[in-house]
Amino acid sequence: LVNGFEEKLTVAFNDVDFCLKLYEAGKFNVWLHNVEL
């Protein structure tokens, strides 16, 4: 839906950009406290 990761962002902030595209598309991004790595 959001055309994946922005390839102009080769190393930094590509995940931030991706999540913000999802948010603008009406999705809520969630962080889970009980999934630990």
PDB file of all heavy atoms in Angstrom:
ATOM      1  N   LEU A   1       0.821  -1.210   0.000  1.00  0.00           N
ATOM      2  CA  LEU A   1       0.000   0.000   0.000  1.00  0.00           C
ATOM      3  C   LEU A   1       0.858   1.265   0.000  1.00  0.00           C
ATOM      4  O   LEU A   1       0.523   2.252  -0.666  1.00  0.00           O
ATOM      5  CB  LEU A   1      -0.926   0.003   1.227  1.00  0.00           C
ATOM      6  CG  LEU A   1      -1.791   1.243   1.457  1.00  0.00           C
ATOM      7  CD1 LEU A   1      -2.864   1.348   0.369  1.00  0.00           C
ATOM      8  CD2 LEU A   1      -2.437   1.185   2.834  1.00  0.00           C
ATOM      9  N   VAL A   2       1.979   1.244   0.736  1.00  0.00           N
ATOM     10  CA  VAL A   2       2.831   2.442   0.846  1.00  0.00           C
ATOM     11  C   VAL A   2       4.111   2.302   0.021  1.00  0.00           C
ATOM     12  O   VAL A   2       5.062   3.061   0.197  1.00  0.00           O
ATOM     13  CB  VAL A   2       3.158   2.744   2.320  1.00  0.00           C
ATOM     14  CG1 VAL A   2       1.887   3.028   3.099  1.00  0.00           C
ATOM     15  CG2 VAL A   2       3.952   1.619   2.973  1.00  0.00           C
ATOM     16  N   ASN A   3       4.143   1.307  -0.871  1.00  0.00           N
ATOM     17  CA  ASN A   3       5.273   1.109  -1.791  1.00  0.00           C
ATOM     18  C   ASN A   3       6.583   0.825  -1.083  1.00  0.00           C
ATOM     19  O   ASN A   3       7.666   1.231  -1.536  1.00  0.00           O
ATOM     20  CB  ASN A   3       5.429   2.325  -2.709  1.00  0.00           C
ATOM     21  CG  ASN A   3       4.219   2.542  -3.586  1.00  0.00           C
ATOM     22  OD1 ASN A   3       3.696   1.591  -4.181  1.00  0.00           O
ATOM     23  ND2 ASN A   3       3.734   3.774  -3.652  1.00  0.00           N
ATOM     24  N   GLY A   4       6.506   0.113   0.020  1.00  0.00           N
ATOM     25  CA  GLY A   4       7.715  -0.369   0.680  1.00  0.00           C
ATOM     26  C   GLY A   4       8.599   0.722   1.234  1.00  0.00           C
ATOM     27  O   GLY A   4       8.161   1.831   1.543  1.00  0.00           O
ATOM     28  N   PHE A   5       9.897   0.396   1.362  1.00  0.00           N
ATOM     29  CA  PHE A   5      10.875   1.330   1.917  1.00  0.00           C
ATOM     30  C   PHE A   5      11.346   2.321   0.859  1.00  0.00           C
ATOM     31  O   PHE A   5      11.498   1.966  -0.318  1.00  0.00           O
ATOM     32  CB  PHE A   5      12.084   0.574   2.477  1.00  0.00           C
ATOM     33  CG  PHE A   5      11.783  -0.248   3.699  1.00  0.00           C
ATOM     34  CD1 PHE A   5      11.688  -1.632   3.615  1.00  0.00           C
ATOM     35  CD2 PHE A   5      11.598   0.347   4.931  1.00  0.00           C
ATOM     36  CE1 PHE A   5      11.415  -2.398   4.734  1.00  0.00           C
ATOM     37  CE2 PHE A   5      11.323  -0.406   6.064  1.00  0.00           C
ATOM     38  CZ  PHE A   5      11.227  -1.785   5.963  1.00  0.00           C
ATOM     39  N   GLU A   6      11.591   3.540   1.276  1.00  0.00           N
ATOM     40  CA  GLU A   6      12.084   4.593   0.393  1.00  0.00           C
ATOM     41  C   GLU A   6      13.572   4.354   0.102  1.00  0.00           C
ATOM     42  O   GLU A   6      14.412   4.429   0.998  1.00  0.00           O
ATOM     43  CB  GLU A   6      11.885   5.960   1.052  1.00  0.00           C
ATOM     44  CG  GLU A   6      12.532   7.124   0.330  1.00  0.00           C
ATOM     45  CD  GLU A   6      12.106   7.227  -1.122  1.00  0.00           C
ATOM     46  OE1 GLU A   6      10.904   7.427  -1.366  1.00  0.00           O
ATOM     47  OE2 GLU A   6      12.995   7.092  -1.995  1.00  0.00           O
ATOM     48  N   GLU A   7      13.894   4.100  -1.176  1.00  0.00           N
ATOM     49  CA  GLU A   7      15.254   3.712  -1.525  1.00  0.00           C
ATOM     50  C   GLU A   7      16.231   4.878  -1.554  1.00  0.00           C
ATOM     51  O   GLU A   7      17.439   4.676  -1.645  1.00  0.00           O
ATOM     52  CB  GLU A   7      15.247   2.944  -2.854  1.00  0.00           C
ATOM     53  CG  GLU A   7      14.485   1.625  -2.723  1.00  0.00           C
ATOM     54  CD  GLU A   7      14.517   0.766  -3.973  1.00  0.00           C
ATOM     55  OE1 GLU A   7      15.221   1.148  -4.946  1.00  0.00           O
ATOM     56  OE2 GLU A   7      13.849  -0.284  -3.984  1.00  0.00           O
ATOM     57  N   LYS A   8      15.725   6.115  -1.446  1.00  0.00           N
ATOM     58  CA  LYS A   8      16.628   7.256  -1.289  1.00  0.00           C
ATOM     59  C   LYS A   8      17.245   7.284   0.107  1.00  0.00           C
ATOM     60  O   LYS A   8      18.263   7.937   0.322  1.00  0.00           O
ATOM     61  CB  LYS A   8      15.878   8.560  -1.548  1.00  0.00           C
ATOM     62  CG  LYS A   8      15.446   8.750  -2.992  1.00  0.00           C
ATOM     63  CD  LYS A   8      14.671  10.052  -3.167  1.00  0.00           C
ATOM     64  CE  LYS A   8      14.200  10.218  -4.606  1.00  0.00           C
ATOM     65  NZ  LYS A   8      13.381  11.454  -4.775  1.00  0.00           N
ATOM     66  N   LEU A   9      16.606   6.593   1.039  1.00  0.00           N
ATOM     67  CA  LEU A   9      17.128   6.487   2.401  1.00  0.00           C
ATOM     68  C   LEU A   9      17.890   5.170   2.499  1.00  0.00           C
ATOM     69  O   LEU A   9      17.325   4.119   2.797  1.00  0.00           O
ATOM     70  CB  LEU A   9      15.984   6.550   3.412  1.00  0.00           C
ATOM     71  CG  LEU A   9      15.202   7.871   3.427  1.00  0.00           C
ATOM     72  CD1 LEU A   9      13.935   7.746   4.257  1.00  0.00           C
ATOM     73  CD2 LEU A   9      16.070   9.006   3.941  1.00  0.00           C
ATOM     74  N   THR A  10      19.180   5.227   2.236  1.00  0.00           N
ATOM     75  CA  THR A  10      19.964   3.998   2.093  1.00  0.00           C
ATOM     76  C   THR A  10      20.271   3.328   3.425  1.00  0.00           C
ATOM     77  O   THR A  10      20.348   2.110   3.511  1.00  0.00           O
ATOM     78  CB  THR A  10      21.278   4.282   1.354  1.00  0.00           C
ATOM     79  OG1 THR A  10      22.035   5.237   2.105  1.00  0.00           O
ATOM     80  CG2 THR A  10      21.007   4.838  -0.038  1.00  0.00           C
ATOM     81  N   VAL A  11      20.467   4.136   4.485  1.00  0.00           N
ATOM     82  CA  VAL A  11      20.857   3.578   5.783  1.00  0.00           C
ATOM     83  C   VAL A  11      19.931   4.044   6.903  1.00  0.00           C
ATOM     84  O   VAL A  11      19.334   3.248   7.605  1.00  0.00           O
ATOM     85  CB  VAL A  11      22.321   3.940   6.117  1.00  0.00           C
ATOM     86  CG1 VAL A  11      22.690   3.426   7.509  1.00  0.00           C
ATOM     87  CG2 VAL A  11      23.273   3.379   5.073  1.00  0.00           C
ATOM     88  N   ALA A  12      19.798   5.355   7.058  1.00  0.00           N
ATOM     89  CA  ALA A  12      19.088   5.897   8.214  1.00  0.00           C
ATOM     90  C   ALA A  12      17.652   6.290   7.874  1.00  0.00           C
ATOM     91  O   ALA A  12      17.348   6.673   6.743  1.00  0.00           O
ATOM     92  CB  ALA A  12      19.841   7.112   8.766  1.00  0.00           C
ATOM     93  N   PHE A  13      16.780   6.188   8.851  1.00  0.00           N
ATOM     94  CA  PHE A  13      15.414   6.726   8.847  1.00  0.00           C
ATOM     95  C   PHE A  13      14.471   6.051   7.862  1.00  0.00           C
ATOM     96  O   PHE A  13      13.319   6.478   7.734  1.00  0.00           O
ATOM     97  CB  PHE A  13      15.413   8.234   8.563  1.00  0.00           C
ATOM     98  CG  PHE A  13      16.316   9.028   9.457  1.00  0.00           C
ATOM     99  CD1 PHE A  13      17.278   9.881   8.926  1.00  0.00           C
ATOM    100  CD2 PHE A  13      16.216   8.923  10.842  1.00  0.00           C
ATOM    101  CE1 PHE A  13      18.110  10.614   9.747  1.00  0.00           C
ATOM    102  CE2 PHE A  13      17.048   9.654  11.670  1.00  0.00           C
ATOM    103  CZ  PHE A  13      17.998  10.507  11.131  1.00  0.00           C
ATOM    104  N   ASN A  14      14.909   4.997   7.167  1.00  0.00           N
ATOM    105  CA  ASN A  14      13.993   4.351   6.223  1.00  0.00           C
ATOM    106  C   ASN A  14      12.811   3.709   6.944  1.00  0.00           C
ATOM    107  O   ASN A  14      11.695   3.687   6.422  1.00  0.00           O
ATOM    108  CB  ASN A  14      14.730   3.315   5.364  1.00  0.00           C
ATOM    109  CG  ASN A  14      15.854   2.643   6.123  1.00  0.00           C
ATOM    110  OD1 ASN A  14      15.619   2.052   7.174  1.00  0.00           O
ATOM    111  ND2 ASN A  14      17.062   2.735   5.592  1.00  0.00           N
ATOM    112  N   ASP A  15      13.047   3.188   8.154  1.00  0.00           N
ATOM    113  CA  ASP A  15      11.943   2.607   8.917  1.00  0.00           C
ATOM    114  C   ASP A  15      10.999   3.693   9.435  1.00  0.00           C
ATOM    115  O   ASP A  15       9.777   3.508   9.472  1.00  0.00           O
ATOM    116  CB  ASP A  15      12.451   1.740  10.070  1.00  0.00           C
ATOM    117  CG  ASP A  15      13.586   2.365  10.862  1.00  0.00           C
ATOM    118  OD1 ASP A  15      13.897   3.559  10.642  1.00  0.00           O
ATOM    119  OD2 ASP A  15      14.185   1.663  11.699  1.00  0.00           O
ATOM    120  N   VAL A  16      11.560   4.853   9.823  1.00  0.00           N
ATOM    121  CA  VAL A  16      10.724   5.960  10.285  1.00  0.00           C
ATOM    122  C   VAL A  16       9.836   6.455   9.143  1.00  0.00           C
ATOM    123  O   VAL A  16       8.634   6.649   9.308  1.00  0.00           O
ATOM    124  CB  VAL A  16      11.594   7.107  10.838  1.00  0.00           C
ATOM    125  CG1 VAL A  16      10.714   8.269  11.301  1.00  0.00           C
ATOM    126  CG2 VAL A  16      12.474   6.614  11.982  1.00  0.00           C
ATOM    127  N   ASP A  17      10.443   6.652   7.986  1.00  0.00           N
ATOM    128  CA  ASP A  17       9.691   7.080   6.803  1.00  0.00           C
ATOM    129  C   ASP A  17       8.595   6.066   6.465  1.00  0.00           C
ATOM    130  O   ASP A  17       7.448   6.440   6.179  1.00  0.00           O
ATOM    131  CB  ASP A  17      10.661   7.232   5.633  1.00  0.00           C
ATOM    132  CG  ASP A  17       9.960   7.513   4.318  1.00  0.00           C
ATOM    133  OD1 ASP A  17       9.573   8.672   4.093  1.00  0.00           O
ATOM    134  OD2 ASP A  17       9.800   6.567   3.519  1.00  0.00           O
ATOM    135  N   PHE A  18       8.920   4.795   6.518  1.00  0.00           N
ATOM    136  CA  PHE A  18       7.966   3.734   6.208  1.00  0.00           C
ATOM    137  C   PHE A  18       6.779   3.776   7.170  1.00  0.00           C
ATOM    138  O   PHE A  18       5.606   3.723   6.761  1.00  0.00           O
ATOM    139  CB  PHE A  18       8.664   2.371   6.282  1.00  0.00           C
ATOM    140  CG  PHE A  18       7.754   1.195   6.077  1.00  0.00           C
ATOM    141  CD1 PHE A  18       7.308   0.855   4.810  1.00  0.00           C
ATOM    142  CD2 PHE A  18       7.347   0.420   7.153  1.00  0.00           C
ATOM    143  CE1 PHE A  18       6.466  -0.233   4.615  1.00  0.00           C
ATOM    144  CE2 PHE A  18       6.506  -0.669   6.972  1.00  0.00           C
ATOM    145  CZ  PHE A  18       6.069  -0.994   5.706  1.00  0.00           C
ATOM    146  N   CYS A  19       7.071   3.889   8.463  1.00  0.00           N
ATOM    147  CA  CYS A  19       5.995   3.916   9.463  1.00  0.00           C
ATOM    148  C   CYS A  19       5.124   5.160   9.327  1.00  0.00           C
ATOM    149  O   CYS A  19       3.903   5.103   9.516  1.00  0.00           O
ATOM    150  CB  CYS A  19       6.587   3.833  10.868  1.00  0.00           C
ATOM    151  SG  CYS A  19       7.231   2.198  11.309  1.00  0.00           S
ATOM    152  N   LEU A  20       5.744   6.285   8.993  1.00  0.00           N
ATOM    153  CA  LEU A  20       4.955   7.508   8.813  1.00  0.00           C
ATOM    154  C   LEU A  20       4.049   7.401   7.589  1.00  0.00           C
ATOM    155  O   LEU A  20       2.929   7.931   7.598  1.00  0.00           O
ATOM    156  CB  LEU A  20       5.880   8.720   8.698  1.00  0.00           C
ATOM    157  CG  LEU A  20       6.553   9.145  10.006  1.00  0.00           C
ATOM    158  CD1 LEU A  20       7.543  10.273   9.764  1.00  0.00           C
ATOM    159  CD2 LEU A  20       5.516   9.570  11.047  1.00  0.00           C
ATOM    160  N   LYS A  21       4.500   6.708   6.562  1.00  0.00           N
ATOM    161  CA  LYS A  21       3.624   6.476   5.402  1.00  0.00           C
ATOM    162  C   LYS A  21       2.418   5.624   5.812  1.00  0.00           C
ATOM    163  O   LYS A  21       1.294   5.870   5.370  1.00  0.00           O
ATOM    164  CB  LYS A  21       4.419   5.807   4.271  1.00  0.00           C
ATOM    165  CG  LYS A  21       5.429   6.730   3.600  1.00  0.00           C
ATOM    166  CD  LYS A  21       6.011   6.131   2.322  1.00  0.00           C
ATOM    167  CE  LYS A  21       6.852   4.916   2.571  1.00  0.00           C
ATOM    168  NZ  LYS A  21       7.489   4.402   1.328  1.00  0.00           N
ATOM    169  N   LEU A  22       2.663   4.641   6.661  1.00  0.00           N
ATOM    170  CA  LEU A  22       1.553   3.826   7.158  1.00  0.00           C
ATOM    171  C   LEU A  22       0.588   4.672   7.985  1.00  0.00           C
ATOM    172  O   LEU A  22      -0.642   4.552   7.855  1.00  0.00           O
ATOM    173  CB  LEU A  22       2.084   2.670   8.011  1.00  0.00           C
ATOM    174  CG  LEU A  22       2.789   1.535   7.277  1.00  0.00           C
ATOM    175  CD1 LEU A  22       3.449   0.597   8.281  1.00  0.00           C
ATOM    176  CD2 LEU A  22       1.807   0.754   6.407  1.00  0.00           C
ATOM    177  N   TYR A  23       1.137   5.531   8.830  1.00  0.00           N
ATOM    178  CA  TYR A  23       0.305   6.381   9.680  1.00  0.00           C
ATOM    179  C   TYR A  23      -0.551   7.319   8.836  1.00  0.00           C
ATOM    180  O   TYR A  23      -1.741   7.497   9.111  1.00  0.00           O
ATOM    181  CB  TYR A  23       1.191   7.168  10.640  1.00  0.00           C
ATOM    182  CG  TYR A  23       0.430   8.053  11.599  1.00  0.00           C
ATOM    183  CD1 TYR A  23      -0.393   7.502  12.578  1.00  0.00           C
ATOM    184  CD2 TYR A  23       0.524   9.432  11.522  1.00  0.00           C
ATOM    185  CE1 TYR A  23      -1.105   8.308  13.460  1.00  0.00           C
ATOM    186  CE2 TYR A  23      -0.184  10.251  12.395  1.00  0.00           C
ATOM    187  CZ  TYR A  23      -0.994   9.679  13.359  1.00  0.00           C
ATOM    188  OH  TYR A  23      -1.702  10.486  14.221  1.00  0.00           O
ATOM    189  N   GLU A  24       0.051   7.884   7.794  1.00  0.00           N
ATOM    190  CA  GLU A  24      -0.702   8.769   6.905  1.00  0.00           C
ATOM    191  C   GLU A  24      -1.786   8.000   6.141  1.00  0.00           C
ATOM    192  O   GLU A  24      -2.784   8.584   5.729  1.00  0.00           O
ATOM    193  CB  GLU A  24       0.247   9.455   5.926  1.00  0.00           C
ATOM    194  CG  GLU A  24       1.177  10.468   6.579  1.00  0.00           C
ATOM    195  CD  GLU A  24       0.849  11.890   6.186  1.00  0.00           C
ATOM    196  OE1 GLU A  24       0.824  12.155   4.983  1.00  0.00           O
ATOM    197  OE2 GLU A  24       0.626  12.714   7.099  1.00  0.00           O
ATOM    198  N   ALA A  25      -1.583   6.708   5.976  1.00  0.00           N
ATOM    199  CA  ALA A  25      -2.578   5.872   5.295  1.00  0.00           C
ATOM    200  C   ALA A  25      -3.682   5.412   6.247  1.00  0.00           C
ATOM    201  O   ALA A  25      -4.552   4.625   5.855  1.00  0.00           O
ATOM    202  CB  ALA A  25      -1.896   4.663   4.657  1.00  0.00           C
ATOM    203  N   GLY A  26      -3.643   5.884   7.500  1.00  0.00           N
ATOM    204  CA  GLY A  26      -4.699   5.569   8.450  1.00  0.00           C
ATOM    205  C   GLY A  26      -4.409   4.400   9.365  1.00  0.00           C
ATOM    206  O   GLY A  26      -5.307   3.919  10.070  1.00  0.00           O
ATOM    207  N   LYS A  27      -3.156   3.947   9.387  1.00  0.00           N
ATOM    208  CA  LYS A  27      -2.786   2.813  10.226  1.00  0.00           C
ATOM    209  C   LYS A  27      -2.118   3.293  11.519  1.00  0.00           C
ATOM    210  O   LYS A  27      -1.445   4.323  11.546  1.00  0.00           O
ATOM    211  CB  LYS A  27      -1.815   1.891   9.467  1.00  0.00           C
ATOM    212  CG  LYS A  27      -2.357   1.367   8.152  1.00  0.00           C
ATOM    213  CD  LYS A  27      -3.481   0.362   8.361  1.00  0.00           C
ATOM    214  CE  LYS A  27      -3.990  -0.214   7.044  1.00  0.00           C
ATOM    215  NZ  LYS A  27      -5.011  -1.259   7.244  1.00  0.00           N
ATOM    216  N   PHE A  28      -2.284   2.514  12.584  1.00  0.00           N
ATOM    217  CA  PHE A  28      -1.633   2.808  13.858  1.00  0.00           C
ATOM    218  C   PHE A  28      -0.481   1.827  14.063  1.00  0.00           C
ATOM    219  O   PHE A  28      -0.669   0.609  13.985  1.00  0.00           O
ATOM    220  CB  PHE A  28      -2.631   2.687  15.014  1.00  0.00           C
ATOM    221  CG  PHE A  28      -3.677   3.768  15.024  1.00  0.00           C
ATOM    222  CD1 PHE A  28      -4.873   3.592  14.349  1.00  0.00           C
ATOM    223  CD2 PHE A  28      -3.456   4.960  15.689  1.00  0.00           C
ATOM    224  CE1 PHE A  28      -5.842   4.583  14.346  1.00  0.00           C
ATOM    225  CE2 PHE A  28      -4.417   5.973  15.691  1.00  0.00           C
ATOM    226  CZ  PHE A  28      -5.611   5.781  15.016  1.00  0.00           C
ATOM    227  N   ASN A  29       0.709   2.370  14.306  1.00  0.00           N
ATOM    228  CA  ASN A  29       1.873   1.535  14.561  1.00  0.00           C
ATOM    229  C   ASN A  29       1.954   1.224  16.053  1.00  0.00           C
ATOM    230  O   ASN A  29       1.684   2.078  16.893  1.00  0.00           O
ATOM    231  CB  ASN A  29       3.140   2.248  14.085  1.00  0.00           C
ATOM    232  CG  ASN A  29       3.064   2.598  12.612  1.00  0.00           C
ATOM    233  OD1 ASN A  29       2.756   1.748  11.777  1.00  0.00           O
ATOM    234  ND2 ASN A  29       3.322   3.853  12.271  1.00  0.00           N
ATOM    235  N   VAL A  30       2.331  -0.020  16.374  1.00  0.00           N
ATOM    236  CA  VAL A  30       2.269  -0.503  17.749  1.00  0.00           C
ATOM    237  C   VAL A  30       3.610  -1.100  18.161  1.00  0.00           C
ATOM    238  O   VAL A  30       4.247  -1.822  17.387  1.00  0.00           O
ATOM    239  CB  VAL A  30       1.165  -1.577  17.905  1.00  0.00           C
ATOM    240  CG1 VAL A  30       1.117  -2.099  19.332  1.00  0.00           C
ATOM    241  CG2 VAL A  30      -0.187  -1.014  17.519  1.00  0.00           C
ATOM    242  N   TRP A  31       4.009  -0.779  19.389  1.00  0.00           N
ATOM    243  CA  TRP A  31       5.196  -1.389  20.006  1.00  0.00           C
ATOM    244  C   TRP A  31       4.731  -2.318  21.119  1.00  0.00           C
ATOM    245  O   TRP A  31       3.892  -1.941  21.938  1.00  0.00           O
ATOM    246  CB  TRP A  31       6.102  -0.301  20.577  1.00  0.00           C
ATOM    247  CG  TRP A  31       7.254  -0.816  21.374  1.00  0.00           C
ATOM    248  CD1 TRP A  31       8.459  -1.246  20.906  1.00  0.00           C
ATOM    249  CD2 TRP A  31       7.314  -0.946  22.802  1.00  0.00           C
ATOM    250  NE1 TRP A  31       9.256  -1.640  21.953  1.00  0.00           N
ATOM    251  CE2 TRP A  31       8.576  -1.468  23.124  1.00  0.00           C
ATOM    252  CE3 TRP A  31       6.408  -0.685  23.831  1.00  0.00           C
ATOM    253  CZ2 TRP A  31       8.976  -1.721  24.437  1.00  0.00           C
ATOM    254  CZ3 TRP A  31       6.790  -0.943  25.146  1.00  0.00           C
ATOM    255  CH2 TRP A  31       8.064  -1.450  25.428  1.00  0.00           C
ATOM    256  N   LEU A  32       5.268  -3.560  21.139  1.00  0.00           N
ATOM    257  CA  LEU A  32       4.843  -4.566  22.106  1.00  0.00           C
ATOM    258  C   LEU A  32       5.899  -4.734  23.195  1.00  0.00           C
ATOM    259  O   LEU A  32       7.053  -5.060  22.911  1.00  0.00           O
ATOM    260  CB  LEU A  32       4.600  -5.908  21.415  1.00  0.00           C
ATOM    261  CG  LEU A  32       3.597  -5.889  20.245  1.00  0.00           C
ATOM    262  CD1 LEU A  32       3.399  -7.292  19.703  1.00  0.00           C
ATOM    263  CD2 LEU A  32       2.266  -5.287  20.675  1.00  0.00           C
ATOM    264  N   HIS A  33       5.472  -4.537  24.439  1.00  0.00           N
ATOM    265  CA  HIS A  33       6.421  -4.608  25.546  1.00  0.00           C
ATOM    266  C   HIS A  33       6.828  -6.039  25.873  1.00  0.00           C
ATOM    267  O   HIS A  33       7.901  -6.275  26.447  1.00  0.00           O
ATOM    268  CB  HIS A  33       5.806  -3.954  26.798  1.00  0.00           C
ATOM    269  CG  HIS A  33       4.793  -4.809  27.502  1.00  0.00           C
ATOM    270  ND1 HIS A  33       5.118  -5.620  28.565  1.00  0.00           N
ATOM    271  CD2 HIS A  33       3.464  -4.992  27.300  1.00  0.00           C
ATOM    272  CE1 HIS A  33       4.037  -6.255  28.985  1.00  0.00           C
ATOM    273  NE2 HIS A  33       3.023  -5.889  28.230  1.00  0.00           N
ATOM    274  N   ASN A  34       5.986  -7.010  25.529  1.00  0.00           N
ATOM    275  CA  ASN A  34       6.250  -8.388  25.921  1.00  0.00           C
ATOM    276  C   ASN A  34       6.744  -9.246  24.757  1.00  0.00           C
ATOM    277  O   ASN A  34       6.567 -10.461  24.740  1.00  0.00           O
ATOM    278  CB  ASN A  34       5.010  -9.011  26.568  1.00  0.00           C
ATOM    279  CG  ASN A  34       3.737  -8.787  25.760  1.00  0.00           C
ATOM    280  OD1 ASN A  34       3.799  -8.317  24.625  1.00  0.00           O
ATOM    281  ND2 ASN A  34       2.598  -9.132  26.331  1.00  0.00           N
ATOM    282  N   VAL A  35       7.356  -8.592  23.785  1.00  0.00           N
ATOM    283  CA  VAL A  35       8.133  -9.281  22.749  1.00  0.00           C
ATOM    284  C   VAL A  35       9.552  -8.762  22.879  1.00  0.00           C
ATOM    285  O   VAL A  35       9.854  -7.633  22.509  1.00  0.00           O
ATOM    286  CB  VAL A  35       7.578  -9.011  21.335  1.00  0.00           C
ATOM    287  CG1 VAL A  35       8.505  -9.582  20.279  1.00  0.00           C
ATOM    288  CG2 VAL A  35       6.175  -9.596  21.182  1.00  0.00           C
ATOM    289  N   GLU A  36      10.438  -9.585  23.456  1.00  0.00           N
ATOM    290  CA  GLU A  36      11.772  -9.131  23.845  1.00  0.00           C
ATOM    291  C   GLU A  36      12.854  -9.853  23.049  1.00  0.00           C
ATOM    292  O   GLU A  36      12.796 -11.075  22.854  1.00  0.00           O
ATOM    293  CB  GLU A  36      11.989  -9.362  25.341  1.00  0.00           C
ATOM    294  CG  GLU A  36      10.995  -8.612  26.229  1.00  0.00           C
ATOM    295  CD  GLU A  36      11.159  -8.939  27.695  1.00  0.00           C
ATOM    296  OE1 GLU A  36      11.022 -10.131  28.056  1.00  0.00           O
ATOM    297  OE2 GLU A  36      11.452  -8.013  28.474  1.00  0.00           O
ATOM    298  N   LEU A  37      13.842  -9.063  22.622  1.00  0.00           N
ATOM    299  CA  LEU A  37      14.965  -9.607  21.863  1.00  0.00           C
ATOM    300  C   LEU A  37      16.230  -8.821  22.227  1.00  0.00           C
ATOM    301  O   LEU A  37      16.152  -7.676  22.675  1.00  0.00           O
ATOM    302  CB  LEU A  37      14.723  -9.509  20.348  1.00  0.00           C
ATOM    303  CG  LEU A  37      13.411 -10.070  19.799  1.00  0.00           C
ATOM    304  CD1 LEU A  37      12.353  -8.966  19.687  1.00  0.00           C
ATOM    305  CD2 LEU A  37      13.612 -10.721  18.428  1.00  0.00           C
TER     306      LEU A  37
END
